[in-house]
Amino acid sequence: MKEHLKYIGANIRAARKSQNLTMEVLSELIGISPSFLGTLERGESSLSVDTLICVCRALGVSADSIIFDPSSPPIPSIADKKDILITLLSNATDEELSFLIDYVRLCRGRIKFKDT
């Protein structure tokens, strides 16, 4: 968890600096003290959802750009996931395909998926 706080803080700092805002100005815009903003930017404190929303609005950035580690791989889209499955299945043996079909049927019967 601590590592998450460090890149959240670094993302806040980078967004603030990219807009040439001082810590004092940003803290006033979001309604927190400059010292608390400093602890956020250093990754020493966590922030509430309300504070995150205020930070994003004040900086004009998305929550994604603040909370996600820019070095993490992006979450694959549904199309990407389908492509991965197609590639895996196209290289599978007949025995592997039979096993996977049985496994998927078993899982779908036990897991309650949201209706789409």
C-alpha atoms as a PDB file:
ATOM      1  CA  MET A   1       0.000   0.000   0.000  1.00  0.00           C
ATOM      2  CA  LYS A   2       2.803   2.420   0.848  1.00  0.00           C
ATOM      3  CA  GLU A   3       4.174   2.172  -2.691  1.00  0.00           C
ATOM      4  CA  HIS A   4       0.783   3.233  -4.079  1.00  0.00           C
ATOM      5  CA  LEU A   5       0.850   6.336  -1.921  1.00  0.00           C
ATOM      6  CA  LYS A   6       4.271   7.271  -3.270  1.00  0.00           C
ATOM      7  CA  TYR A   7       3.225   7.308  -6.921  1.00  0.00           C
ATOM      8  CA  ILE A   8      -0.116   8.947  -6.125  1.00  0.00           C
ATOM      9  CA  GLY A   9       1.828  11.696  -4.395  1.00  0.00           C
ATOM     10  CA  ALA A  10       4.316  11.924  -7.241  1.00  0.00           C
ATOM     11  CA  ASN A  11       1.450  12.180  -9.741  1.00  0.00           C
ATOM     12  CA  ILE A  12      -0.163  14.993  -7.733  1.00  0.00           C
ATOM     13  CA  ARG A  13       3.154  16.829  -7.531  1.00  0.00           C
ATOM     14  CA  ALA A  14       3.827  16.401 -11.270  1.00  0.00           C
ATOM     15  CA  ALA A  15       0.342  17.668 -12.179  1.00  0.00           C
ATOM     16  CA  ARG A  16       0.699  20.637  -9.806  1.00  0.00           C
ATOM     17  CA  LYS A  17       4.123  21.566 -11.160  1.00  0.00           C
ATOM     18  CA  SER A  18       2.996  21.173 -14.777  1.00  0.00           C
ATOM     19  CA  GLN A  19       0.491  23.943 -14.076  1.00  0.00           C
ATOM     20  CA  ASN A  20       3.025  26.083 -12.222  1.00  0.00           C
ATOM     21  CA  LEU A  21       0.981  26.005  -9.011  1.00  0.00           C
ATOM     22  CA  THR A  22       2.597  26.384  -5.631  1.00  0.00           C
ATOM     23  CA  MET A  23       1.680  24.038  -2.811  1.00  0.00           C
ATOM     24  CA  GLU A  24       0.007  26.957  -1.064  1.00  0.00           C
ATOM     25  CA  VAL A  25      -2.232  27.780  -4.018  1.00  0.00           C
ATOM     26  CA  LEU A  26      -3.236  24.151  -4.654  1.00  0.00           C
ATOM     27  CA  SER A  27      -3.885  23.472  -0.983  1.00  0.00           C
ATOM     28  CA  GLU A  28      -6.139  26.524  -0.835  1.00  0.00           C
ATOM     29  CA  LEU A  29      -8.015  25.397  -3.951  1.00  0.00           C
ATOM     30  CA  ILE A  30      -8.698  21.956  -2.492  1.00  0.00           C
ATOM     31  CA  GLY A  31      -9.293  23.040   1.094  1.00  0.00           C
ATOM     32  CA  ILE A  32      -6.385  21.354   2.873  1.00  0.00           C
ATOM     33  CA  SER A  33      -3.297  22.714   4.581  1.00  0.00           C
ATOM     34  CA  PRO A  34      -0.022  23.053   2.668  1.00  0.00           C
ATOM     35  CA  SER A  35       1.628  20.733   5.181  1.00  0.00           C
ATOM     36  CA  PHE A  36      -0.979  18.015   4.526  1.00  0.00           C
ATOM     37  CA  LEU A  37      -0.515  18.477   0.776  1.00  0.00           C
ATOM     38  CA  GLY A  38       3.195  17.982   1.372  1.00  0.00           C
ATOM     39  CA  THR A  39       2.574  14.676   3.162  1.00  0.00           C
ATOM     40  CA  LEU A  40       0.344  13.588   0.260  1.00  0.00           C
ATOM     41  CA  GLU A  41       2.955  14.486  -2.339  1.00  0.00           C
ATOM     42  CA  ARG A  42       5.638  12.600  -0.409  1.00  0.00           C
ATOM     43  CA  GLY A  43       3.400   9.537  -0.113  1.00  0.00           C
ATOM     44  CA  GLU A  44       3.300   9.749   3.676  1.00  0.00           C
ATOM     45  CA  SER A  45      -0.490  10.104   3.934  1.00  0.00           C
ATOM     46  CA  SER A  46      -3.477   8.734   2.096  1.00  0.00           C
ATOM     47  CA  LEU A  47      -6.264  10.915   0.800  1.00  0.00           C
ATOM     48  CA  SER A  48     -10.014  10.508   0.955  1.00  0.00           C
ATOM     49  CA  VAL A  49     -12.139  10.167  -2.147  1.00  0.00           C
ATOM     50  CA  ASP A  50     -13.476  13.679  -1.497  1.00  0.00           C
ATOM     51  CA  THR A  51      -9.948  15.087  -1.418  1.00  0.00           C
ATOM     52  CA  LEU A  52      -9.028  13.133  -4.558  1.00  0.00           C
ATOM     53  CA  ILE A  53     -12.014  14.644  -6.362  1.00  0.00           C
ATOM     54  CA  CYS A  54     -11.011  18.137  -5.213  1.00  0.00           C
ATOM     55  CA  VAL A  55      -7.421  17.560  -6.366  1.00  0.00           C
ATOM     56  CA  CYS A  56      -8.579  16.360  -9.788  1.00  0.00           C
ATOM     57  CA  ARG A  57     -10.974  19.279 -10.236  1.00  0.00           C
ATOM     58  CA  ALA A  58      -8.420  21.854  -9.133  1.00  0.00           C
ATOM     59  CA  LEU A  59      -5.768  20.421 -11.449  1.00  0.00           C
ATOM     60  CA  GLY A  60      -8.154  19.614 -14.307  1.00  0.00           C
ATOM     61  CA  VAL A  61      -6.938  16.009 -14.497  1.00  0.00           C
ATOM     62  CA  SER A  62      -8.618  12.614 -14.350  1.00  0.00           C
ATOM     63  CA  ALA A  63      -8.511  10.437 -11.264  1.00  0.00           C
ATOM     64  CA  ASP A  64      -6.804   7.794 -13.424  1.00  0.00           C
ATOM     65  CA  SER A  65      -3.850  10.078 -13.990  1.00  0.00           C
ATOM     66  CA  ILE A  66      -3.471  10.509 -10.229  1.00  0.00           C
ATOM     67  CA  ILE A  67      -4.138   7.051  -8.803  1.00  0.00           C
ATOM     68  CA  PHE A  68      -2.608   4.705 -11.376  1.00  0.00           C
ATOM     69  CA  ASP A  69       1.087   3.996 -11.551  1.00  0.00           C
ATOM     70  CA  PRO A  70       2.216   5.250 -14.958  1.00  0.00           C
ATOM     71  CA  SER A  71       4.769   2.417 -15.168  1.00  0.00           C
ATOM     72  CA  SER A  72       2.098  -0.305 -14.762  1.00  0.00           C
ATOM     73  CA  PRO A  73       0.882  -1.940 -17.887  1.00  0.00           C
ATOM     74  CA  PRO A  74      -2.514  -0.691 -19.028  1.00  0.00           C
ATOM     75  CA  ILE A  75      -5.583  -2.800 -18.262  1.00  0.00           C
ATOM     76  CA  PRO A  76      -6.362  -4.743 -21.427  1.00  0.00           C
ATOM     77  CA  SER A  77      -9.583  -3.924 -23.236  1.00  0.00           C
ATOM     78  CA  ILE A  78     -12.218  -6.568 -23.948  1.00  0.00           C
ATOM     79  CA  ALA A  79     -10.970  -6.746 -27.540  1.00  0.00           C
ATOM     80  CA  ASP A  80      -7.404  -7.296 -26.287  1.00  0.00           C
ATOM     81  CA  LYS A  81      -8.596 -10.040 -23.926  1.00  0.00           C
ATOM     82  CA  LYS A  82     -10.429 -11.763 -26.787  1.00  0.00           C
ATOM     83  CA  ASP A  83      -7.310 -11.564 -28.962  1.00  0.00           C
ATOM     84  CA  ILE A  84      -5.241 -13.133 -26.165  1.00  0.00           C
ATOM     85  CA  LEU A  85      -7.761 -15.956 -25.791  1.00  0.00           C
ATOM     86  CA  ILE A  86      -7.923 -16.558 -29.544  1.00  0.00           C
ATOM     87  CA  THR A  87      -4.135 -16.763 -29.720  1.00  0.00           C
ATOM     88  CA  LEU A  88      -3.979 -19.158 -26.784  1.00  0.00           C
ATOM     89  CA  LEU A  89      -6.779 -21.325 -28.140  1.00  0.00           C
ATOM     90  CA  SER A  90      -5.375 -21.441 -31.666  1.00  0.00           C
ATOM     91  CA  ASN A  91      -2.188 -22.977 -30.280  1.00  0.00           C
ATOM     92  CA  ALA A  92      -3.949 -25.474 -27.977  1.00  0.00           C
ATOM     93  CA  THR A  93      -4.009 -29.211 -28.529  1.00  0.00           C
ATOM     94  CA  ASP A  94      -7.300 -31.111 -28.827  1.00  0.00           C
ATOM     95  CA  GLU A  95      -6.849 -32.409 -25.283  1.00  0.00           C
ATOM     96  CA  GLU A  96      -6.234 -28.899 -23.935  1.00  0.00           C
ATOM     97  CA  LEU A  97      -9.293 -27.552 -25.757  1.00  0.00           C
ATOM     98  CA  SER A  98     -11.510 -30.303 -24.304  1.00  0.00           C
ATOM     99  CA  PHE A  99     -10.217 -29.554 -20.817  1.00  0.00           C
ATOM    100  CA  LEU A 100     -10.750 -25.798 -21.260  1.00  0.00           C
ATOM    101  CA  ILE A 101     -14.303 -26.270 -22.532  1.00  0.00           C
ATOM    102  CA  ASP A 102     -15.161 -28.403 -19.484  1.00  0.00           C
ATOM    103  CA  TYR A 103     -13.438 -25.935 -17.162  1.00  0.00           C
ATOM    104  CA  VAL A 104     -15.261 -22.907 -18.592  1.00  0.00           C
ATOM    105  CA  ARG A 105     -18.610 -24.707 -18.309  1.00  0.00           C
ATOM    106  CA  LEU A 106     -17.859 -25.573 -14.686  1.00  0.00           C
ATOM    107  CA  CYS A 107     -16.811 -22.010 -13.835  1.00  0.00           C
ATOM    108  CA  ARG A 108     -19.777 -20.385 -15.550  1.00  0.00           C
ATOM    109  CA  GLY A 109     -22.101 -22.690 -13.630  1.00  0.00           C
ATOM    110  CA  ARG A 110     -20.563 -21.727 -10.276  1.00  0.00           C
ATOM    111  CA  ILE A 111     -19.863 -18.035 -10.764  1.00  0.00           C
ATOM    112  CA  LYS A 112     -22.712 -15.561 -10.939  1.00  0.00           C
ATOM    113  CA  PHE A 113     -21.816 -13.262 -13.799  1.00  0.00           C
ATOM    114  CA  LYS A 114     -23.605  -9.965 -14.220  1.00  0.00           C
ATOM    115  CA  ASP A 115     -26.079 -10.100 -17.092  1.00  0.00           C
ATOM    116  CA  THR A 116     -24.850  -8.176 -20.089  1.00  0.00           C
END
